[in-house]
Structure formats: structure tokens, C-alpha cells
Amino acid sequence: MKLKASLIIDFDSTLVKEETLELVAETALRFNRRKKRIQEKIRLITEQGMRGMITFSESLDKRLKLFSATNQNIEEVKGEMANQISESFLQNKNFFQKNAGKIYVVSGGFKECVLPVAEKLAIPPENVFANNFVYNASGGISGVDTDNYLAQEKGKIKQVEAINIANPRCVIGDGYTDFQIKEEGAADHFIAYTEHKRRDEVCGKADEEAKSFDEVLKALEEFGLVK
């Protein structure tokens, strides 16, 4: 199949099975006695953001304040990311190789963790847009680069508008911020990806719902976006 459109794909709980920040927290909190309690708080805040109950920038700030992580923790998570890729994406690796120039990853996750997955699926690094951690002198994470669109409110919309992506455009993701790209007119179609997470608030606004990348391909055929 050849794409007749640009695909804008989310990362966490879409291209990969888990939320990257939750994986970082799990590693950073390994020896913390309050690990389970903190992880539960992080998951709750993640859900609030993904359902559109709070802004992404607010969600990101609240979660990062709940734990301390280092560049070593990030390296550990990076090494794990290849095992986190959604099976149905791996099974369609040929599609990604054939259409690499028209596929973009736009994520509120972190570039250090996104790039190894993009490489595995033949997505060019210049087509990957994600947040960047800021480190202090001792290698601890002190925050994120707030000049990056993706750390800001409506960041995905700002980022997509800033990239020279050809029309038509189709967004694939599991969260409210993915739907907002279409809502704000920066994309023509939105497919709610529900292989790992399903949210009524998101699915109710989608053009199609897909439980696997094979179902995404069927939706793209229906939209007339592949040949």
C-alpha cells in the first residue's frame, strides 16, 4: 500500500504499549517505599490529560514533580523501548518502510525514547517531534524544554502547523490532544487508536476507531488515503 496522505502518529499507548513517563517513573522509583502510591498518582494525572480534563502542559508538570529521575534512568528506558512496540505496528513494518517520508511521530513523550522506536520502524529521525528533558550538572532531570511546542498547551497543534506536512493529513492516537489536531483544522481525519487504551471521550469524536494498525489501514482505504 502507498500513502496518498501524511500520517501523524502518537507515540505513547499507540506506537508503543505503555506511557513513556510511567516507564521512566517506574525505573526512577525502583527503591522508593512509596513507589506504588506515586505510580497511581501519575496514572491518574495521565488519564486526566488524555481525556481532556486538564491541559497536557499541566499534566506533564504535575507528573514530573512526583519523582526525581536521572539520565541513567532514561538510558535504561531507551534500552527497553524496542520491546514496547505495538505488535500490529511491527507486523506492518513494510508499510512504514515504503511510506517513511509521509509518516510523522508527534508526541508529548520524550525524544530520547521515541527515536529508537522510530528507527526500528524506518521512520526518519527528522520526522520525529517530541519533548526534550533538561538535565542539571549532576545528570538529574530538572524539567523539560518549555520552548518546545510539545511542552506547551495545544502543543501538538502548534507543532503540526510548524511542520511543512503535505495535505491531506490523518492523525492516529489515543488521546484528546490527538483529536484536537483535527478539531483545530490541522488535520483532515482522526482515528482513535484503542489497542491499549480506550477512552469514550476520545472515541466519540473520532472518524474511526482502530484496535490495531491493520484496522488503521482499513480506515485509510475507506478515506481514500492509500492506493
Protein backbone atom coordinates (compact mmCIF):
# COMPACT_ATOMS: atom_id res chain seq x y z
CA MET A 1 0.00 0.00 0.00
CA LYS A 2 1.18 3.50 -0.86
CA LEU A 3 0.06 6.50 1.14
CA LYS A 4 -1.75 9.36 -0.59
CA ALA A 5 -1.70 11.36 2.65
CA SER A 6 0.52 12.31 5.57
CA LEU A 7 0.16 10.21 8.73
CA ILE A 8 0.65 11.92 12.09
CA ILE A 9 1.05 9.21 14.73
CA ASP A 10 1.03 9.46 18.52
CA PHE A 11 3.64 7.52 20.48
CA ASP A 12 2.57 6.53 24.00
CA SER A 13 -0.12 3.80 24.09
CA THR A 14 -0.18 3.88 20.28
CA LEU A 15 3.18 3.14 18.65
CA VAL A 16 4.20 1.61 21.97
CA LYS A 17 2.19 -0.25 24.58
CA GLU A 18 2.85 1.99 27.59
CA GLU A 19 3.23 5.63 28.60
CA THR A 20 6.90 6.60 28.42
CA LEU A 21 6.82 8.82 31.50
CA GLU A 22 5.30 5.99 33.53
CA LEU A 23 8.18 3.73 32.45
CA VAL A 24 10.69 6.40 33.49
CA ALA A 25 8.94 6.77 36.85
CA GLU A 26 8.94 3.02 37.41
CA THR A 27 12.69 2.93 36.88
CA ALA A 28 13.39 6.04 38.96
CA LEU A 29 11.19 4.86 41.85
CA ARG A 30 12.61 1.34 41.97
CA PHE A 31 13.80 1.64 45.58
CA ASN A 32 11.21 4.14 46.81
CA ARG A 33 8.92 2.76 49.54
CA ARG A 34 6.06 4.92 48.22
CA LYS A 35 6.52 3.64 44.67
CA LYS A 36 3.02 2.17 44.18
CA ARG A 37 1.27 5.21 45.64
CA ILE A 38 3.25 7.63 43.47
CA GLN A 39 2.72 5.49 40.37
CA GLU A 40 -1.02 5.52 40.95
CA LYS A 41 -1.00 9.32 41.21
CA ILE A 42 0.96 9.52 37.95
CA ARG A 43 -1.50 7.21 36.17
CA LEU A 44 -4.44 9.30 37.41
CA ILE A 45 -2.90 12.53 36.14
CA THR A 46 -2.05 10.88 32.81
CA GLU A 47 -5.69 9.86 32.39
CA GLN A 48 -6.93 13.34 33.23
CA GLY A 49 -4.73 14.76 30.50
CA MET A 50 -5.59 12.10 27.92
CA ARG A 51 -9.31 12.61 28.50
CA GLY A 52 -9.02 16.38 28.12
CA MET A 53 -9.84 17.11 31.78
CA ILE A 54 -6.61 19.10 32.24
CA THR A 55 -4.16 20.52 29.70
CA PHE A 56 -1.19 18.43 28.63
CA SER A 57 1.29 21.00 29.94
CA GLU A 58 -0.42 20.85 33.35
CA SER A 59 -0.40 17.06 33.27
CA LEU A 60 3.30 16.95 32.39
CA ASP A 61 4.28 19.44 35.11
CA LYS A 62 2.28 17.62 37.82
CA ARG A 63 3.74 14.22 36.96
CA LEU A 64 7.35 15.38 36.82
CA LYS A 65 7.00 16.89 40.30
CA LEU A 66 6.10 13.49 41.78
CA PHE A 67 9.51 11.86 41.28
CA SER A 68 13.18 12.53 40.55
CA ALA A 69 14.90 10.87 37.61
CA THR A 70 18.36 10.93 36.04
CA ASN A 71 19.90 10.49 32.61
CA GLN A 72 20.78 6.94 33.70
CA ASN A 73 17.07 6.18 34.17
CA ILE A 74 16.40 7.48 30.67
CA GLU A 75 19.14 5.26 29.24
CA GLU A 76 17.51 2.24 30.92
CA VAL A 77 14.11 3.09 29.43
CA LYS A 78 15.64 3.70 25.99
CA GLY A 79 17.05 0.19 26.08
CA GLU A 80 13.58 -1.20 26.80
CA MET A 81 11.65 0.71 24.13
CA ALA A 82 12.18 -1.80 21.30
CA ASN A 83 10.30 -4.37 23.42
CA GLN A 84 7.42 -1.93 23.90
CA ILE A 85 6.48 -1.51 20.21
CA SER A 86 2.85 -2.43 19.50
CA GLU A 87 2.77 -5.82 17.75
CA SER A 88 0.48 -4.74 14.93
CA PHE A 89 2.88 -1.92 14.01
CA LEU A 90 5.80 -4.34 13.85
CA GLN A 91 3.75 -6.70 11.68
CA ASN A 92 3.28 -3.86 9.19
CA LYS A 93 6.91 -2.76 9.12
CA ASN A 94 6.95 -2.98 5.30
CA PHE A 95 4.23 -0.32 5.14
CA PHE A 96 6.40 2.03 7.19
CA GLN A 97 9.46 1.34 5.06
CA LYS A 98 7.56 2.06 1.82
CA ASN A 99 5.95 5.24 3.15
CA ALA A 100 8.63 6.53 5.53
CA GLY A 101 8.71 10.05 4.11
CA LYS A 102 5.00 10.58 4.73
CA ILE A 103 4.89 9.32 8.33
CA TYR A 104 5.45 11.62 11.30
CA VAL A 105 5.57 10.94 15.04
CA VAL A 106 4.21 13.87 17.06
CA SER A 107 4.32 13.04 20.76
CA GLY A 108 4.16 14.54 24.21
CA GLY A 109 6.66 11.83 25.13
CA PHE A 110 10.42 12.23 25.09
CA LYS A 111 12.62 12.24 22.03
CA GLU A 112 15.35 10.14 23.63
CA CYS A 113 12.83 7.30 23.99
CA VAL A 114 10.95 7.85 20.73
CA LEU A 115 13.93 7.76 18.37
CA PRO A 116 14.91 4.08 18.95
CA VAL A 117 11.33 3.03 18.11
CA ALA A 118 11.19 5.28 15.05
CA GLU A 119 14.46 3.76 13.82
CA LYS A 120 13.07 0.24 14.25
CA LEU A 121 10.09 1.18 12.05
CA ALA A 122 12.20 3.08 9.48
CA ILE A 123 10.64 6.46 10.36
CA PRO A 124 13.24 9.17 9.62
CA PRO A 125 14.56 10.99 12.70
CA GLU A 126 13.72 14.33 11.09
CA ASN A 127 10.05 13.23 11.13
CA VAL A 128 10.07 12.72 14.91
CA PHE A 129 8.81 15.53 17.14
CA ALA A 130 8.72 15.08 20.92
CA ASN A 131 9.67 16.72 24.20
CA ASN A 132 13.24 17.12 25.43
CA PHE A 133 14.37 16.67 29.02
CA VAL A 134 16.56 19.33 30.61
CA TYR A 135 19.34 18.00 32.86
CA ASN A 136 21.26 19.62 35.70
CA ALA A 137 25.05 19.40 36.17
CA SER A 138 24.79 16.09 38.07
CA GLY A 139 22.68 14.40 35.38
CA GLY A 140 19.34 14.77 37.12
CA ILE A 141 16.24 15.78 35.19
CA SER A 142 15.37 19.35 36.15
CA GLY A 143 12.41 19.69 33.78
CA VAL A 144 11.62 19.90 30.08
CA ASP A 145 12.45 22.39 27.35
CA THR A 146 9.49 24.77 27.61
CA ASP A 147 10.39 26.42 24.29
CA ASN A 148 9.44 23.14 22.63
CA TYR A 149 5.88 23.39 21.29
CA LEU A 150 5.07 19.94 22.68
CA ALA A 151 5.61 21.08 26.27
CA GLN A 152 3.01 23.80 25.80
CA GLU A 153 -0.78 23.96 25.81
CA LYS A 154 -2.14 22.77 22.43
CA GLY A 155 1.45 21.84 21.64
CA LYS A 156 0.63 19.14 19.10
CA ILE A 157 -1.42 21.61 17.06
CA LYS A 158 1.39 24.19 17.16
CA GLN A 159 3.95 21.56 16.16
CA VAL A 160 1.92 20.18 13.24
CA GLU A 161 1.27 23.70 11.96
CA ALA A 162 5.00 24.45 12.16
CA ILE A 163 6.00 21.44 10.04
CA ASN A 164 5.66 21.51 6.28
CA ILE A 165 3.40 18.42 6.11
CA ALA A 166 1.56 17.75 2.87
CA ASN A 167 -2.23 17.51 2.79
CA PRO A 168 -4.39 15.55 3.30
CA ARG A 169 -3.41 14.68 6.86
CA CYS A 170 -4.62 11.90 9.13
CA VAL A 171 -3.96 11.71 12.87
CA ILE A 172 -3.75 8.41 14.76
CA GLY A 173 -3.71 8.39 18.56
CA ASP A 174 -5.41 7.51 21.83
CA GLY A 175 -5.72 10.90 23.49
CA TYR A 176 -7.71 14.11 23.43
CA THR A 177 -4.66 16.09 22.27
CA ASP A 178 -4.59 13.93 19.13
CA PHE A 179 -8.22 14.72 18.35
CA GLN A 180 -7.50 18.43 18.89
CA ILE A 181 -5.19 18.44 15.86
CA LYS A 182 -8.21 17.74 13.66
CA GLU A 183 -10.54 19.90 15.74
CA GLU A 184 -8.29 22.92 15.15
CA GLY A 185 -8.15 22.25 11.40
CA ALA A 186 -4.55 21.00 11.26
CA ALA A 187 -5.67 17.55 10.01
CA ASP A 188 -8.48 16.13 7.88
CA HIS A 189 -9.13 12.83 9.67
CA PHE A 190 -8.71 11.43 13.19
CA ILE A 191 -8.51 7.73 14.01
CA ALA A 192 -8.82 6.82 17.72
CA TYR A 193 -6.28 4.06 18.40
CA THR A 194 -7.61 1.68 21.06
CA GLU A 195 -5.31 -1.34 21.07
CA HIS A 196 -4.02 -0.41 24.53
CA LYS A 197 -6.34 2.30 25.89
CA ARG A 198 -9.94 3.16 25.04
CA ARG A 199 -11.48 6.43 26.17
CA ASP A 200 -15.10 7.23 25.36
CA GLU A 201 -14.33 10.96 25.35
CA VAL A 202 -11.84 10.40 22.53
CA CYS A 203 -13.60 7.68 20.54
CA GLY A 204 -16.81 9.70 20.46
CA LYS A 205 -15.03 12.41 18.49
CA ALA A 206 -13.15 10.13 16.07
CA ASP A 207 -13.88 9.46 12.41
CA GLU A 208 -12.95 5.81 13.01
CA GLU A 209 -11.80 3.60 15.87
CA ALA A 210 -8.94 1.15 15.31
CA LYS A 211 -7.88 -1.65 17.67
CA SER A 212 -4.78 -2.48 15.60
CA PHE A 213 -2.71 -0.98 12.80
CA ASP A 214 -4.44 -3.38 10.38
CA GLU A 215 -7.70 -1.61 11.24
CA VAL A 216 -5.94 1.72 10.67
CA LEU A 217 -5.08 0.56 7.15
CA LYS A 218 -8.72 -0.38 6.53
CA ALA A 219 -9.82 3.07 7.68
CA LEU A 220 -7.25 4.70 5.40
CA GLU A 221 -8.69 2.71 2.50
CA GLU A 222 -12.19 3.92 3.39
CA PHE A 223 -10.94 7.51 3.47
CA GLY A 224 -9.28 7.03 0.07
CA LEU A 225 -5.84 7.80 1.54
CA VAL A 226 -3.98 4.73 0.22
CA LYS A 227 -3.65 3.12 -3.18
